[in-house]
Amino acid sequence: MNVPPAHAVWAGCVFVCEECQKMPAASPKTNVFKTYSAKSGELKQKWFIVDASSQSLGRLSVPIAMRLMGKDKPTYTRHIDTGDFVVVINAEKISVHPKKFESKTYRKWSGYPGGLRVRTLAEQQAKSPPSIIMESVRRMLPKTMLGKVMLSKLKVYAGPTHPHSSQKPETWAPLA
């Protein structure tokens, strides 16, 4: 609440005095910047293909997770899916430290007593190589419904072939 100066004269709704009239009027801001917020369906999502042969698991998973979330774009909005599609090929040739093949475990519980299944990394790679990259990236994404949508845009294949050639994916080397 504005308190009139002791020397001011009340004139309608404006304080009028010699000192107040000499003061410059506050100019309206001319540079008003608005924060950009993406709308769903507004952004075009691209397709990228990554060759995982002889790549480190963790060093490959981090840029893939960032690309799926859309954090590499200036239009990133945290509550909207702004990420791109990523196709990973040659998942069976991923590089992991030899000690991790026996020490790293993947746990899966059915929900029933005695239903815990534990596999080592070597067993998991022999059974399902794409699940290793999927699980690594899944743990880097948000644990929400939006995270599930982001993970559905990750396509991982054990060999060099994939069925997404009609989307014309761009070659992307995240560790180059």
C-alpha atoms as a PDB file:
ATOM      1  CA  MET A   1       0.000   0.000   0.000  1.00  0.00           C
ATOM      2  CA  ASN A   2       1.398   3.358  -1.013  1.00  0.00           C
ATOM      3  CA  VAL A   3       1.699   5.875   1.768  1.00  0.00           C
ATOM      4  CA  PRO A   4       1.648   9.484   0.527  1.00  0.00           C
ATOM      5  CA  PRO A   5       4.666  11.610   1.361  1.00  0.00           C
ATOM      6  CA  ALA A   6       4.074  14.270   4.000  1.00  0.00           C
ATOM      7  CA  HIS A   7       4.440  17.063   1.440  1.00  0.00           C
ATOM      8  CA  ALA A   8       2.137  15.497  -1.232  1.00  0.00           C
ATOM      9  CA  VAL A   9      -1.297  16.770  -2.135  1.00  0.00           C
ATOM     10  CA  TRP A  10      -4.004  14.198  -2.866  1.00  0.00           C
ATOM     11  CA  ALA A  11      -5.459  14.752  -6.350  1.00  0.00           C
ATOM     12  CA  GLY A  12      -7.945  12.044  -7.243  1.00  0.00           C
ATOM     13  CA  CYS A  13      -5.908   8.831  -7.242  1.00  0.00           C
ATOM     14  CA  VAL A  14      -2.496  10.351  -7.932  1.00  0.00           C
ATOM     15  CA  PHE A  15      -0.116  12.042  -5.541  1.00  0.00           C
ATOM     16  CA  VAL A  16       0.894  15.364  -6.978  1.00  0.00           C
ATOM     17  CA  CYS A  17       3.823  17.436  -5.764  1.00  0.00           C
ATOM     18  CA  GLU A  18       6.833  19.079  -7.298  1.00  0.00           C
ATOM     19  CA  GLU A  19       9.225  16.292  -6.283  1.00  0.00           C
ATOM     20  CA  CYS A  20       6.940  13.518  -7.501  1.00  0.00           C
ATOM     21  CA  GLN A  21       6.410  15.204 -10.871  1.00  0.00           C
ATOM     22  CA  LYS A  22      10.167  15.447 -11.454  1.00  0.00           C
ATOM     23  CA  MET A  23      10.619  11.681 -11.007  1.00  0.00           C
ATOM     24  CA  PRO A  24      10.656   9.729 -14.284  1.00  0.00           C
ATOM     25  CA  ALA A  25       7.662   7.566 -14.942  1.00  0.00           C
ATOM     26  CA  ALA A  26       8.236   3.822 -14.753  1.00  0.00           C
ATOM     27  CA  SER A  27       8.479   2.533 -18.297  1.00  0.00           C
ATOM     28  CA  PRO A  28       6.801  -0.751 -19.140  1.00  0.00           C
ATOM     29  CA  LYS A  29       9.122  -3.667 -19.740  1.00  0.00           C
ATOM     30  CA  THR A  30       9.784  -4.120 -23.413  1.00  0.00           C
ATOM     31  CA  ASN A  31      11.720  -7.399 -23.158  1.00  0.00           C
ATOM     32  CA  VAL A  32       9.271  -9.903 -21.768  1.00  0.00           C
ATOM     33  CA  PHE A  33      10.570 -13.457 -22.079  1.00  0.00           C
ATOM     34  CA  LYS A  34       8.210 -16.375 -21.768  1.00  0.00           C
ATOM     35  CA  THR A  35       9.366 -19.844 -20.775  1.00  0.00           C
ATOM     36  CA  TYR A  36       8.710 -22.281 -23.583  1.00  0.00           C
ATOM     37  CA  SER A  37       6.535 -25.245 -22.678  1.00  0.00           C
ATOM     38  CA  ALA A  38       6.098 -27.985 -25.263  1.00  0.00           C
ATOM     39  CA  LYS A  39       2.609 -29.315 -25.966  1.00  0.00           C
ATOM     40  CA  SER A  40       1.942 -32.976 -26.566  1.00  0.00           C
ATOM     41  CA  GLY A  41       2.004 -33.842 -30.263  1.00  0.00           C
ATOM     42  CA  GLU A  42       3.680 -30.534 -31.125  1.00  0.00           C
ATOM     43  CA  LEU A  43       7.198 -31.890 -31.612  1.00  0.00           C
ATOM     44  CA  LYS A  44       8.444 -34.151 -34.386  1.00  0.00           C
ATOM     45  CA  GLN A  45      10.227 -37.194 -32.983  1.00  0.00           C
ATOM     46  CA  LYS A  46      13.186 -38.570 -34.917  1.00  0.00           C
ATOM     47  CA  TRP A  47      14.552 -42.108 -35.150  1.00  0.00           C
ATOM     48  CA  PHE A  48      18.188 -42.895 -34.347  1.00  0.00           C
ATOM     49  CA  ILE A  49      20.155 -46.120 -34.705  1.00  0.00           C
ATOM     50  CA  VAL A  50      23.075 -47.046 -32.422  1.00  0.00           C
ATOM     51  CA  ASP A  51      25.581 -49.855 -32.927  1.00  0.00           C
ATOM     52  CA  ALA A  52      26.380 -51.331 -29.500  1.00  0.00           C
ATOM     53  CA  SER A  53      29.252 -53.562 -30.583  1.00  0.00           C
ATOM     54  CA  SER A  54      32.331 -53.076 -28.355  1.00  0.00           C
ATOM     55  CA  GLN A  55      30.621 -50.226 -26.450  1.00  0.00           C
ATOM     56  CA  SER A  56      30.623 -50.066 -22.656  1.00  0.00           C
ATOM     57  CA  LEU A  57      27.195 -50.790 -21.155  1.00  0.00           C
ATOM     58  CA  GLY A  58      26.978 -47.819 -18.805  1.00  0.00           C
ATOM     59  CA  ARG A  59      28.627 -45.303 -21.115  1.00  0.00           C
ATOM     60  CA  LEU A  60      26.203 -46.250 -23.875  1.00  0.00           C
ATOM     61  CA  SER A  61      23.115 -46.284 -21.657  1.00  0.00           C
ATOM     62  CA  VAL A  62      23.491 -42.724 -20.353  1.00  0.00           C
ATOM     63  CA  PRO A  63      23.243 -40.876 -23.715  1.00  0.00           C
ATOM     64  CA  ILE A  64      20.456 -43.244 -24.823  1.00  0.00           C
ATOM     65  CA  ALA A  65      18.436 -42.377 -21.702  1.00  0.00           C
ATOM     66  CA  MET A  66      19.046 -38.661 -22.260  1.00  0.00           C
ATOM     67  CA  ARG A  67      17.901 -38.946 -25.883  1.00  0.00           C
ATOM     68  CA  LEU A  68      14.755 -40.880 -24.862  1.00  0.00           C
ATOM     69  CA  MET A  69      13.856 -38.188 -22.316  1.00  0.00           C
ATOM     70  CA  GLY A  70      14.566 -35.361 -24.770  1.00  0.00           C
ATOM     71  CA  LYS A  71      17.065 -33.617 -22.500  1.00  0.00           C
ATOM     72  CA  ASP A  72      19.353 -32.981 -25.457  1.00  0.00           C
ATOM     73  CA  LYS A  73      16.782 -30.616 -27.003  1.00  0.00           C
ATOM     74  CA  PRO A  74      16.166 -26.977 -26.109  1.00  0.00           C
ATOM     75  CA  THR A  75      12.425 -27.745 -26.159  1.00  0.00           C
ATOM     76  CA  TYR A  76      12.711 -30.192 -23.222  1.00  0.00           C
ATOM     77  CA  THR A  77       9.654 -30.100 -20.996  1.00  0.00           C
ATOM     78  CA  ARG A  78       9.720 -32.484 -18.068  1.00  0.00           C
ATOM     79  CA  HIS A  79       6.040 -33.441 -18.038  1.00  0.00           C
ATOM     80  CA  ILE A  80       5.772 -34.019 -21.824  1.00  0.00           C
ATOM     81  CA  ASP A  81       7.390 -36.777 -23.867  1.00  0.00           C
ATOM     82  CA  THR A  82       9.838 -34.798 -26.022  1.00  0.00           C
ATOM     83  CA  GLY A  83      12.341 -37.600 -26.654  1.00  0.00           C
ATOM     84  CA  ASP A  84      13.230 -39.475 -29.819  1.00  0.00           C
ATOM     85  CA  PHE A  85      13.105 -43.141 -30.814  1.00  0.00           C
ATOM     86  CA  VAL A  86      16.347 -45.110 -30.429  1.00  0.00           C
ATOM     87  CA  VAL A  87      17.113 -48.445 -32.131  1.00  0.00           C
ATOM     88  CA  VAL A  88      20.074 -50.367 -30.689  1.00  0.00           C
ATOM     89  CA  ILE A  89      21.621 -53.145 -32.770  1.00  0.00           C
ATOM     90  CA  ASN A  90      24.321 -55.720 -31.910  1.00  0.00           C
ATOM     91  CA  ALA A  91      23.297 -55.856 -28.239  1.00  0.00           C
ATOM     92  CA  GLU A  92      24.995 -59.240 -27.885  1.00  0.00           C
ATOM     93  CA  LYS A  93      28.395 -57.611 -28.520  1.00  0.00           C
ATOM     94  CA  ILE A  94      28.171 -55.116 -25.636  1.00  0.00           C
ATOM     95  CA  SER A  95      31.380 -54.675 -23.638  1.00  0.00           C
ATOM     96  CA  VAL A  96      31.375 -55.283 -19.874  1.00  0.00           C
ATOM     97  CA  HIS A  97      34.252 -55.719 -17.426  1.00  0.00           C
ATOM     98  CA  PRO A  98      35.048 -59.461 -17.034  1.00  0.00           C
ATOM     99  CA  LYS A  99      34.493 -59.402 -13.249  1.00  0.00           C
ATOM    100  CA  LYS A 100      30.939 -58.150 -13.761  1.00  0.00           C
ATOM    101  CA  PHE A 101      29.956 -61.223 -15.772  1.00  0.00           C
ATOM    102  CA  GLU A 102      29.856 -63.234 -12.533  1.00  0.00           C
ATOM    103  CA  SER A 103      29.275 -60.536  -9.899  1.00  0.00           C
ATOM    104  CA  LYS A 104      26.381 -58.546 -11.439  1.00  0.00           C
ATOM    105  CA  THR A 105      23.010 -60.171 -10.894  1.00  0.00           C
ATOM    106  CA  TYR A 106      19.528 -59.611 -12.277  1.00  0.00           C
ATOM    107  CA  ARG A 107      16.748 -60.361  -9.801  1.00  0.00           C
ATOM    108  CA  LYS A 108      13.176 -61.156 -10.734  1.00  0.00           C
ATOM    109  CA  TRP A 109      10.487 -61.990  -8.202  1.00  0.00           C
ATOM    110  CA  SER A 110       7.174 -63.573  -9.118  1.00  0.00           C
ATOM    111  CA  GLY A 111       5.455 -62.240  -5.992  1.00  0.00           C
ATOM    112  CA  TYR A 112       5.103 -65.655  -4.387  1.00  0.00           C
ATOM    113  CA  PRO A 113       7.228 -67.136  -1.576  1.00  0.00           C
ATOM    114  CA  GLY A 114      10.251 -68.820  -3.069  1.00  0.00           C
ATOM    115  CA  GLY A 115       9.638 -67.130  -6.429  1.00  0.00           C
ATOM    116  CA  LEU A 116      12.885 -65.151  -6.559  1.00  0.00           C
ATOM    117  CA  ARG A 117      14.975 -65.872  -9.653  1.00  0.00           C
ATOM    118  CA  VAL A 118      18.542 -64.610  -9.756  1.00  0.00           C
ATOM    119  CA  ARG A 119      20.676 -64.646 -12.905  1.00  0.00           C
ATOM    120  CA  THR A 120      24.226 -63.469 -13.437  1.00  0.00           C
ATOM    121  CA  LEU A 121      25.126 -61.150 -16.286  1.00  0.00           C
ATOM    122  CA  ALA A 122      26.662 -64.055 -18.213  1.00  0.00           C
ATOM    123  CA  GLU A 123      23.436 -66.100 -17.926  1.00  0.00           C
ATOM    124  CA  GLN A 124      21.321 -63.087 -18.893  1.00  0.00           C
ATOM    125  CA  GLN A 125      23.476 -62.359 -21.933  1.00  0.00           C
ATOM    126  CA  ALA A 126      23.184 -65.965 -23.090  1.00  0.00           C
ATOM    127  CA  LYS A 127      19.401 -65.996 -22.585  1.00  0.00           C
ATOM    128  CA  SER A 128      18.371 -62.472 -23.668  1.00  0.00           C
ATOM    129  CA  PRO A 129      21.049 -59.911 -24.702  1.00  0.00           C
ATOM    130  CA  PRO A 130      18.585 -57.045 -25.404  1.00  0.00           C
ATOM    131  CA  SER A 131      17.214 -57.164 -21.857  1.00  0.00           C
ATOM    132  CA  ILE A 132      20.605 -56.093 -20.464  1.00  0.00           C
ATOM    133  CA  ILE A 133      20.505 -52.744 -22.296  1.00  0.00           C
ATOM    134  CA  MET A 134      16.759 -52.331 -21.686  1.00  0.00           C
ATOM    135  CA  GLU A 135      17.216 -52.825 -17.937  1.00  0.00           C
ATOM    136  CA  SER A 136      20.206 -50.493 -17.792  1.00  0.00           C
ATOM    137  CA  VAL A 137      18.338 -47.693 -19.580  1.00  0.00           C
ATOM    138  CA  ARG A 138      15.087 -48.322 -17.662  1.00  0.00           C
ATOM    139  CA  ARG A 139      16.845 -47.631 -14.367  1.00  0.00           C
ATOM    140  CA  MET A 140      18.007 -44.224 -15.703  1.00  0.00           C
ATOM    141  CA  LEU A 141      14.520 -43.074 -16.742  1.00  0.00           C
ATOM    142  CA  PRO A 142      11.822 -41.578 -14.474  1.00  0.00           C
ATOM    143  CA  LYS A 143       9.890 -44.135 -12.427  1.00  0.00           C
ATOM    144  CA  THR A 144       6.503 -42.853 -13.636  1.00  0.00           C
ATOM    145  CA  MET A 145       4.001 -43.549 -16.391  1.00  0.00           C
ATOM    146  CA  LEU A 146       5.943 -41.117 -18.561  1.00  0.00           C
ATOM    147  CA  GLY A 147       9.063 -43.215 -17.989  1.00  0.00           C
ATOM    148  CA  LYS A 148       7.221 -46.262 -19.336  1.00  0.00           C
ATOM    149  CA  VAL A 149       6.258 -44.329 -22.459  1.00  0.00           C
ATOM    150  CA  MET A 150       9.874 -43.231 -22.894  1.00  0.00           C
ATOM    151  CA  LEU A 151      11.116 -46.804 -22.508  1.00  0.00           C
ATOM    152  CA  SER A 152       8.658 -48.012 -25.145  1.00  0.00           C
ATOM    153  CA  LYS A 153      10.555 -45.837 -27.659  1.00  0.00           C
ATOM    154  CA  LEU A 154      13.716 -47.903 -27.126  1.00  0.00           C
ATOM    155  CA  LYS A 155      14.059 -50.839 -29.532  1.00  0.00           C
ATOM    156  CA  VAL A 156      16.941 -53.234 -28.821  1.00  0.00           C
ATOM    157  CA  TYR A 157      18.006 -56.109 -31.099  1.00  0.00           C
ATOM    158  CA  ALA A 158      20.686 -58.746 -30.503  1.00  0.00           C
ATOM    159  CA  GLY A 159      21.878 -58.882 -34.122  1.00  0.00           C
ATOM    160  CA  PRO A 160      22.633 -56.316 -36.832  1.00  0.00           C
ATOM    161  CA  THR A 161      19.149 -56.434 -38.439  1.00  0.00           C
ATOM    162  CA  HIS A 162      16.047 -54.543 -37.340  1.00  0.00           C
ATOM    163  CA  PRO A 163      12.529 -54.020 -38.757  1.00  0.00           C
ATOM    164  CA  HIS A 164      12.559 -50.191 -38.498  1.00  0.00           C
ATOM    165  CA  SER A 165      14.198 -49.306 -41.808  1.00  0.00           C
ATOM    166  CA  SER A 166      10.960 -47.710 -43.068  1.00  0.00           C
ATOM    167  CA  GLN A 167      11.315 -44.997 -40.381  1.00  0.00           C
ATOM    168  CA  LYS A 168      14.683 -44.031 -41.945  1.00  0.00           C
ATOM    169  CA  PRO A 169      16.681 -43.867 -38.695  1.00  0.00           C
ATOM    170  CA  GLU A 170      19.746 -41.640 -38.620  1.00  0.00           C
ATOM    171  CA  THR A 171      23.038 -43.203 -37.561  1.00  0.00           C
ATOM    172  CA  TRP A 172      24.037 -41.901 -34.150  1.00  0.00           C
ATOM    173  CA  ALA A 173      27.345 -42.584 -32.409  1.00  0.00           C
ATOM    174  CA  PRO A 174      26.839 -41.270 -28.859  1.00  0.00           C
ATOM    175  CA  LEU A 175      30.383 -42.067 -27.740  1.00  0.00           C
ATOM    176  CA  ALA A 176      32.187 -40.731 -30.814  1.00  0.00           C
END
